[in-house]
Amino acid sequence: MVSVIERNKIEELDAMYDKRHGGPYDRGSADKYYGRAYEPHYFKKDSYNSDKVELANMTVEEIVAYTAGYEHQTETKDWGE
């Protein structure tokens, strides 16, 4: 469980990142939410409907944004199991 103070700090840090659908932050957050492994990537436009950029072709800033999205995601998908 994340405390209110920790949640506020995460929200403050999150404001630094572009959260567009398919971007590095969004993909990191989605991967964590759906229980997928840490695997930096993003899409040039919308997720799965545009070219995918893999880790080898990402900038340091893009990797940092993906990592922030992954680490700051505090909820996970309830698969009903």
PDB file of N, CA and C in Angstrom:
ATOM      1  N   MET A   1       0.839  -1.174   0.000  1.00  0.00           N
ATOM      2  CA  MET A   1       0.000   0.000   0.000  1.00  0.00           C
ATOM      3  C   MET A   1       0.892   1.248   0.000  1.00  0.00           C
ATOM      4  N   VAL A   2       0.503   2.232  -0.773  1.00  0.00           N
ATOM      5  CA  VAL A   2       1.259   3.468  -0.910  1.00  0.00           C
ATOM      6  C   VAL A   2       0.629   4.528  -0.019  1.00  0.00           C
ATOM      7  N   SER A   3       1.469   5.182   0.790  1.00  0.00           N
ATOM      8  CA  SER A   3       0.963   6.225   1.679  1.00  0.00           C
ATOM      9  C   SER A   3       0.562   7.466   0.876  1.00  0.00           C
ATOM     10  N   VAL A   4      -0.195   8.339   1.504  1.00  0.00           N
ATOM     11  CA  VAL A   4      -0.622   9.581   0.854  1.00  0.00           C
ATOM     12  C   VAL A   4       0.589  10.416   0.475  1.00  0.00           C
ATOM     13  N   ILE A   5       1.582  10.477   1.341  1.00  0.00           N
ATOM     14  CA  ILE A   5       2.795  11.250   1.062  1.00  0.00           C
ATOM     15  C   ILE A   5       3.532  10.660  -0.136  1.00  0.00           C
ATOM     16  N   GLU A   6       3.661   9.331  -0.174  1.00  0.00           N
ATOM     17  CA  GLU A   6       4.326   8.683  -1.300  1.00  0.00           C
ATOM     18  C   GLU A   6       3.534   8.907  -2.592  1.00  0.00           C
ATOM     19  N   ARG A   7       2.220   8.805  -2.538  1.00  0.00           N
ATOM     20  CA  ARG A   7       1.370   9.009  -3.707  1.00  0.00           C
ATOM     21  C   ARG A   7       1.518  10.441  -4.217  1.00  0.00           C
ATOM     22  N   ASN A   8       1.562  11.429  -3.316  1.00  0.00           N
ATOM     23  CA  ASN A   8       1.737  12.820  -3.725  1.00  0.00           C
ATOM     24  C   ASN A   8       3.085  13.037  -4.411  1.00  0.00           C
ATOM     25  N   LYS A   9       4.131  12.415  -3.898  1.00  0.00           N
ATOM     26  CA  LYS A   9       5.460  12.539  -4.496  1.00  0.00           C
ATOM     27  C   LYS A   9       5.475  11.901  -5.882  1.00  0.00           C
ATOM     28  N   ILE A  10       4.859  10.738  -6.012  1.00  0.00           N
ATOM     29  CA  ILE A  10       4.787  10.070  -7.309  1.00  0.00           C
ATOM     30  C   ILE A  10       4.035  10.942  -8.303  1.00  0.00           C
ATOM     31  N   GLU A  11       2.916  11.521  -7.888  1.00  0.00           N
ATOM     32  CA  GLU A  11       2.139  12.387  -8.779  1.00  0.00           C
ATOM     33  C   GLU A  11       2.949  13.605  -9.207  1.00  0.00           C
ATOM     34  N   GLU A  12       3.747  14.136  -8.284  1.00  0.00           N
ATOM     35  CA  GLU A  12       4.599  15.281  -8.600  1.00  0.00           C
ATOM     36  C   GLU A  12       5.646  14.889  -9.646  1.00  0.00           C
ATOM     37  N   LEU A  13       6.267  13.740  -9.476  1.00  0.00           N
ATOM     38  CA  LEU A  13       7.259  13.265 -10.441  1.00  0.00           C
ATOM     39  C   LEU A  13       6.617  12.929 -11.781  1.00  0.00           C
ATOM     40  N   ASP A  14       5.435  12.329 -11.727  1.00  0.00           N
ATOM     41  CA  ASP A  14       4.731  11.947 -12.946  1.00  0.00           C
ATOM     42  C   ASP A  14       4.428  13.136 -13.839  1.00  0.00           C
ATOM     43  N   ALA A  15       4.224  14.290 -13.253  1.00  0.00           N
ATOM     44  CA  ALA A  15       3.894  15.486 -14.026  1.00  0.00           C
ATOM     45  C   ALA A  15       5.016  15.860 -14.994  1.00  0.00           C
ATOM     46  N   MET A  16       6.200  15.318 -14.783  1.00  0.00           N
ATOM     47  CA  MET A  16       7.341  15.623 -15.633  1.00  0.00           C
ATOM     48  C   MET A  16       7.303  14.868 -16.965  1.00  0.00           C
ATOM     49  N   TYR A  17       6.465  13.851 -17.080  1.00  0.00           N
ATOM     50  CA  TYR A  17       6.493  12.972 -18.246  1.00  0.00           C
ATOM     51  C   TYR A  17       5.293  13.162 -19.162  1.00  0.00           C
ATOM     52  N   ASP A  18       5.546  13.008 -20.450  1.00  0.00           N
ATOM     53  CA  ASP A  18       4.488  13.007 -21.452  1.00  0.00           C
ATOM     54  C   ASP A  18       3.758  11.668 -21.329  1.00  0.00           C
ATOM     55  N   LYS A  19       2.464  11.709 -21.130  1.00  0.00           N
ATOM     56  CA  LYS A  19       1.704  10.481 -20.896  1.00  0.00           C
ATOM     57  C   LYS A  19       0.843  10.079 -22.094  1.00  0.00           C
ATOM     58  N   ARG A  20       1.218  10.512 -23.282  1.00  0.00           N
ATOM     59  CA  ARG A  20       0.408  10.184 -24.453  1.00  0.00           C
ATOM     60  C   ARG A  20       0.299   8.673 -24.629  1.00  0.00           C
ATOM     61  N   HIS A  21      -0.845   8.250 -25.154  1.00  0.00           N
ATOM     62  CA  HIS A  21      -1.087   6.823 -25.405  1.00  0.00           C
ATOM     63  C   HIS A  21      -0.030   6.296 -26.373  1.00  0.00           C
ATOM     64  N   GLY A  22       0.664   5.278 -25.948  1.00  0.00           N
ATOM     65  CA  GLY A  22       1.700   4.676 -26.775  1.00  0.00           C
ATOM     66  C   GLY A  22       3.098   5.159 -26.457  1.00  0.00           C
ATOM     67  N   GLY A  23       3.219   6.249 -25.695  1.00  0.00           N
ATOM     68  CA  GLY A  23       4.530   6.795 -25.348  1.00  0.00           C
ATOM     69  C   GLY A  23       5.247   5.944 -24.311  1.00  0.00           C
ATOM     70  N   PRO A  24       6.511   6.229 -24.048  1.00  0.00           N
ATOM     71  CA  PRO A  24       7.294   5.432 -23.112  1.00  0.00           C
ATOM     72  C   PRO A  24       6.681   5.338 -21.708  1.00  0.00           C
ATOM     73  N   TYR A  25       6.231   6.448 -21.155  1.00  0.00           N
ATOM     74  CA  TYR A  25       5.645   6.418 -19.806  1.00  0.00           C
ATOM     75  C   TYR A  25       4.390   5.544 -19.792  1.00  0.00           C
ATOM     76  N   ASP A  26       3.531   5.759 -20.774  1.00  0.00           N
ATOM     77  CA  ASP A  26       2.288   4.993 -20.889  1.00  0.00           C
ATOM     78  C   ASP A  26       2.565   3.497 -21.010  1.00  0.00           C
ATOM     79  N   ARG A  27       3.531   3.121 -21.811  1.00  0.00           N
ATOM     80  CA  ARG A  27       3.836   1.707 -22.011  1.00  0.00           C
ATOM     81  C   ARG A  27       4.403   1.076 -20.745  1.00  0.00           C
ATOM     82  N   GLY A  28       5.257   1.806 -20.019  1.00  0.00           N
ATOM     83  CA  GLY A  28       5.780   1.288 -18.751  1.00  0.00           C
ATOM     84  C   GLY A  28       4.667   1.067 -17.753  1.00  0.00           C
ATOM     85  N   SER A  29       3.781   2.041 -17.651  1.00  0.00           N
ATOM     86  CA  SER A  29       2.652   1.937 -16.730  1.00  0.00           C
ATOM     87  C   SER A  29       1.744   0.768 -17.102  1.00  0.00           C
ATOM     88  N   ALA A  30       1.456   0.625 -18.388  1.00  0.00           N
ATOM     89  CA  ALA A  30       0.590  -0.463 -18.847  1.00  0.00           C
ATOM     90  C   ALA A  30       1.234  -1.823 -18.597  1.00  0.00           C
ATOM     91  N   ASP A  31       2.524  -1.937 -18.860  1.00  0.00           N
ATOM     92  CA  ASP A  31       3.205  -3.217 -18.640  1.00  0.00           C
ATOM     93  C   ASP A  31       3.097  -3.639 -17.177  1.00  0.00           C
ATOM     94  N   LYS A  32       3.340  -2.710 -16.273  1.00  0.00           N
ATOM     95  CA  LYS A  32       3.246  -3.033 -14.843  1.00  0.00           C
ATOM     96  C   LYS A  32       1.810  -3.386 -14.468  1.00  0.00           C
ATOM     97  N   TYR A  33       0.840  -2.599 -14.926  1.00  0.00           N
ATOM     98  CA  TYR A  33      -0.567  -2.825 -14.595  1.00  0.00           C
ATOM     99  C   TYR A  33      -1.015  -4.218 -15.026  1.00  0.00           C
ATOM    100  N   TYR A  34      -0.605  -4.645 -16.209  1.00  0.00           N
ATOM    101  CA  TYR A  34      -1.030  -5.944 -16.735  1.00  0.00           C
ATOM    102  C   TYR A  34      -0.108  -7.089 -16.337  1.00  0.00           C
ATOM    103  N   GLY A  35       0.855  -6.816 -15.468  1.00  0.00           N
ATOM    104  CA  GLY A  35       1.725  -7.874 -14.949  1.00  0.00           C
ATOM    105  C   GLY A  35       2.784  -8.346 -15.926  1.00  0.00           C
ATOM    106  N   ARG A  36       3.083  -7.510 -16.907  1.00  0.00           N
ATOM    107  CA  ARG A  36       4.118  -7.878 -17.872  1.00  0.00           C
ATOM    108  C   ARG A  36       5.496  -7.516 -17.332  1.00  0.00           C
ATOM    109  N   ALA A  37       6.509  -8.156 -17.887  1.00  0.00           N
ATOM    110  CA  ALA A  37       7.892  -7.914 -17.480  1.00  0.00           C
ATOM    111  C   ALA A  37       8.346  -6.510 -17.875  1.00  0.00           C
ATOM    112  N   TYR A  38       9.357  -6.022 -17.179  1.00  0.00           N
ATOM    113  CA  TYR A  38       9.992  -4.752 -17.503  1.00  0.00           C
ATOM    114  C   TYR A  38      10.721  -4.933 -18.829  1.00  0.00           C
ATOM    115  N   GLU A  39      10.226  -4.252 -19.864  1.00  0.00           N
ATOM    116  CA  GLU A  39      10.823  -4.365 -21.197  1.00  0.00           C
ATOM    117  C   GLU A  39      10.621  -3.043 -21.931  1.00  0.00           C
ATOM    118  N   PRO A  40      11.529  -2.076 -21.712  1.00  0.00           N
ATOM    119  CA  PRO A  40      11.356  -0.741 -22.291  1.00  0.00           C
ATOM    120  C   PRO A  40      11.089  -0.764 -23.793  1.00  0.00           C
ATOM    121  N   HIS A  41      10.048  -0.031 -24.179  1.00  0.00           N
ATOM    122  CA  HIS A  41       9.650   0.138 -25.564  1.00  0.00           C
ATOM    123  C   HIS A  41       8.577   1.224 -25.601  1.00  0.00           C
ATOM    124  N   TYR A  42       8.230   1.646 -26.777  1.00  0.00           N
ATOM    125  CA  TYR A  42       7.085   2.537 -26.947  1.00  0.00           C
ATOM    126  C   TYR A  42       6.675   2.501 -28.409  1.00  0.00           C
ATOM    127  N   PHE A  43       5.593   3.182 -28.727  1.00  0.00           N
ATOM    128  CA  PHE A  43       5.105   3.253 -30.093  1.00  0.00           C
ATOM    129  C   PHE A  43       5.191   4.697 -30.567  1.00  0.00           C
ATOM    130  N   LYS A  44       5.492   4.882 -31.841  1.00  0.00           N
ATOM    131  CA  LYS A  44       5.639   6.236 -32.380  1.00  0.00           C
ATOM    132  C   LYS A  44       4.331   7.012 -32.329  1.00  0.00           C
ATOM    133  N   LYS A  45       3.222   6.309 -32.455  1.00  0.00           N
ATOM    134  CA  LYS A  45       1.901   6.933 -32.345  1.00  0.00           C
ATOM    135  C   LYS A  45       1.087   6.076 -31.384  1.00  0.00           C
ATOM    136  N   ASP A  46      -0.097   5.660 -31.775  1.00  0.00           N
ATOM    137  CA  ASP A  46      -0.929   4.840 -30.893  1.00  0.00           C
ATOM    138  C   ASP A  46      -0.352   3.441 -30.697  1.00  0.00           C
ATOM    139  N   SER A  47      -0.560   2.894 -29.516  1.00  0.00           N
ATOM    140  CA  SER A  47      -0.093   1.545 -29.191  1.00  0.00           C
ATOM    141  C   SER A  47      -0.638   0.526 -30.174  1.00  0.00           C
ATOM    142  N   TYR A  48       0.236  -0.312 -30.660  1.00  0.00           N
ATOM    143  CA  TYR A  48      -0.088  -1.431 -31.543  1.00  0.00           C
ATOM    144  C   TYR A  48      -0.614  -1.005 -32.908  1.00  0.00           C
ATOM    145  N   ASN A  49      -0.771   0.296 -33.150  1.00  0.00           N
ATOM    146  CA  ASN A  49      -1.238   0.786 -34.447  1.00  0.00           C
ATOM    147  C   ASN A  49      -0.193   1.652 -35.137  1.00  0.00           C
ATOM    148  N   SER A  50       1.046   1.569 -34.648  1.00  0.00           N
ATOM    149  CA  SER A  50       2.137   2.336 -35.251  1.00  0.00           C
ATOM    150  C   SER A  50       3.442   1.592 -35.004  1.00  0.00           C
ATOM    151  N   ASP A  51       4.510   2.132 -35.529  1.00  0.00           N
ATOM    152  CA  ASP A  51       5.815   1.486 -35.382  1.00  0.00           C
ATOM    153  C   ASP A  51       6.229   1.411 -33.919  1.00  0.00           C
ATOM    154  N   LYS A  52       6.754   0.256 -33.527  1.00  0.00           N
ATOM    155  CA  LYS A  52       7.236   0.031 -32.164  1.00  0.00           C
ATOM    156  C   LYS A  52       8.720   0.360 -32.110  1.00  0.00           C
ATOM    157  N   VAL A  53       9.123   1.079 -31.066  1.00  0.00           N
ATOM    158  CA  VAL A  53      10.529   1.414 -30.848  1.00  0.00           C
ATOM    159  C   VAL A  53      11.030   0.540 -29.697  1.00  0.00           C
ATOM    160  N   GLU A  54      12.017  -0.277 -29.977  1.00  0.00           N
ATOM    161  CA  GLU A  54      12.584  -1.194 -28.987  1.00  0.00           C
ATOM    162  C   GLU A  54      13.687  -0.506 -28.179  1.00  0.00           C
ATOM    163  N   LEU A  55      14.086  -1.128 -27.085  1.00  0.00           N
ATOM    164  CA  LEU A  55      15.108  -0.600 -26.178  1.00  0.00           C
ATOM    165  C   LEU A  55      16.365  -0.135 -26.908  1.00  0.00           C
ATOM    166  N   ALA A  56      16.859  -0.922 -27.837  1.00  0.00           N
ATOM    167  CA  ALA A  56      18.112  -0.590 -28.534  1.00  0.00           C
ATOM    168  C   ALA A  56      18.040   0.740 -29.279  1.00  0.00           C
ATOM    169  N   ASN A  57      16.825   1.184 -29.598  1.00  0.00           N
ATOM    170  CA  ASN A  57      16.656   2.430 -30.352  1.00  0.00           C
ATOM    171  C   ASN A  57      16.059   3.561 -29.524  1.00  0.00           C
ATOM    172  N   MET A  58      16.013   3.379 -28.217  1.00  0.00           N
ATOM    173  CA  MET A  58      15.453   4.398 -27.331  1.00  0.00           C
ATOM    174  C   MET A  58      16.542   5.314 -26.789  1.00  0.00           C
ATOM    175  N   THR A  59      16.172   6.567 -26.532  1.00  0.00           N
ATOM    176  CA  THR A  59      17.091   7.503 -25.893  1.00  0.00           C
ATOM    177  C   THR A  59      17.088   7.257 -24.384  1.00  0.00           C
ATOM    178  N   VAL A  60      18.048   7.828 -23.707  1.00  0.00           N
ATOM    179  CA  VAL A  60      18.097   7.719 -22.252  1.00  0.00           C
ATOM    180  C   VAL A  60      16.819   8.295 -21.645  1.00  0.00           C
ATOM    181  N   GLU A  61      16.370   9.430 -22.161  1.00  0.00           N
ATOM    182  CA  GLU A  61      15.157  10.068 -21.639  1.00  0.00           C
ATOM    183  C   GLU A  61      13.930   9.177 -21.811  1.00  0.00           C
ATOM    184  N   GLU A  62      13.836   8.487 -22.938  1.00  0.00           N
ATOM    185  CA  GLU A  62      12.716   7.580 -23.188  1.00  0.00           C
ATOM    186  C   GLU A  62      12.752   6.382 -22.241  1.00  0.00           C
ATOM    187  N   ILE A  63      13.941   5.869 -21.987  1.00  0.00           N
ATOM    188  CA  ILE A  63      14.085   4.742 -21.059  1.00  0.00           C
ATOM    189  C   ILE A  63      13.719   5.184 -19.644  1.00  0.00           C
ATOM    190  N   VAL A  64      14.150   6.367 -19.258  1.00  0.00           N
ATOM    191  CA  VAL A  64      13.801   6.904 -17.936  1.00  0.00           C
ATOM    192  C   VAL A  64      12.289   7.065 -17.823  1.00  0.00           C
ATOM    193  N   ALA A  65      11.628   7.568 -18.860  1.00  0.00           N
ATOM    194  CA  ALA A  65      10.175   7.741 -18.833  1.00  0.00           C
ATOM    195  C   ALA A  65       9.467   6.394 -18.726  1.00  0.00           C
ATOM    196  N   TYR A  66       9.908   5.402 -19.480  1.00  0.00           N
ATOM    197  CA  TYR A  66       9.314   4.062 -19.399  1.00  0.00           C
ATOM    198  C   TYR A  66       9.475   3.522 -17.970  1.00  0.00           C
ATOM    199  N   THR A  67      10.676   3.649 -17.438  1.00  0.00           N
ATOM    200  CA  THR A  67      10.971   3.155 -16.094  1.00  0.00           C
ATOM    201  C   THR A  67      10.102   3.845 -15.057  1.00  0.00           C
ATOM    202  N   ALA A  68       9.932   5.151 -15.177  1.00  0.00           N
ATOM    203  CA  ALA A  68       9.078   5.887 -14.238  1.00  0.00           C
ATOM    204  C   ALA A  68       7.642   5.386 -14.314  1.00  0.00           C
ATOM    205  N   GLY A  69       7.137   5.196 -15.511  1.00  0.00           N
ATOM    206  CA  GLY A  69       5.780   4.674 -15.663  1.00  0.00           C
ATOM    207  C   GLY A  69       5.636   3.304 -15.036  1.00  0.00           C
ATOM    208  N   TYR A  70       6.646   2.480 -15.217  1.00  0.00           N
ATOM    209  CA  TYR A  70       6.631   1.116 -14.663  1.00  0.00           C
ATOM    210  C   TYR A  70       6.695   1.162 -13.134  1.00  0.00           C
ATOM    211  N   GLU A  71       7.603   1.951 -12.602  1.00  0.00           N
ATOM    212  CA  GLU A  71       7.798   1.991 -11.151  1.00  0.00           C
ATOM    213  C   GLU A  71       6.677   2.723 -10.419  1.00  0.00           C
ATOM    214  N   HIS A  72       6.072   3.708 -11.055  1.00  0.00           N
ATOM    215  CA  HIS A  72       5.050   4.499 -10.374  1.00  0.00           C
ATOM    216  C   HIS A  72       3.659   3.891 -10.451  1.00  0.00           C
ATOM    217  N   GLN A  73       3.485   2.863 -11.271  1.00  0.00           N
ATOM    218  CA  GLN A  73       2.177   2.196 -11.352  1.00  0.00           C
ATOM    219  C   GLN A  73       1.956   1.395 -10.068  1.00  0.00           C
ATOM    220  N   THR A  74       0.929   1.755  -9.321  1.00  0.00           N
ATOM    221  CA  THR A  74       0.681   1.100  -8.029  1.00  0.00           C
ATOM    222  C   THR A  74      -0.488   0.127  -8.075  1.00  0.00           C
ATOM    223  N   GLU A  75      -1.220   0.116  -9.174  1.00  0.00           N
ATOM    224  CA  GLU A  75      -2.346  -0.811  -9.287  1.00  0.00           C
ATOM    225  C   GLU A  75      -2.000  -1.909 -10.286  1.00  0.00           C
ATOM    226  N   THR A  76      -2.638  -3.055 -10.106  1.00  0.00           N
ATOM    227  CA  THR A  76      -2.464  -4.149 -11.053  1.00  0.00           C
ATOM    228  C   THR A  76      -3.834  -4.683 -11.459  1.00  0.00           C
ATOM    229  N   LYS A  77      -3.889  -5.241 -12.628  1.00  0.00           N
ATOM    230  CA  LYS A  77      -5.126  -5.782 -13.175  1.00  0.00           C
ATOM    231  C   LYS A  77      -5.609  -6.949 -12.313  1.00  0.00           C
ATOM    232  N   ASP A  78      -6.879  -6.917 -11.953  1.00  0.00           N
ATOM    233  CA  ASP A  78      -7.489  -8.028 -11.236  1.00  0.00           C
ATOM    234  C   ASP A  78      -8.026  -8.990 -12.284  1.00  0.00           C
ATOM    235  N   TRP A  79      -7.363 -10.108 -12.441  1.00  0.00           N
ATOM    236  CA  TRP A  79      -7.731 -11.089 -13.460  1.00  0.00           C
ATOM    237  C   TRP A  79      -8.855 -12.002 -12.967  1.00  0.00           C
ATOM    238  N   GLY A  80      -9.348 -11.782 -11.736  1.00  0.00           N
ATOM    239  CA  GLY A  80     -10.451 -12.570 -11.221  1.00  0.00           C
ATOM    240  C   GLY A  80     -10.090 -14.009 -10.900  1.00  0.00           C
ATOM    241  N   GLU A  81      -8.862 -14.236 -10.578  1.00  0.00           N
ATOM    242  CA  GLU A  81      -8.422 -15.607 -10.290  1.00  0.00           C
ATOM    243  C   GLU A  81      -8.442 -15.905  -8.820  1.00  0.00           C
TER     244      GLU A  81
END
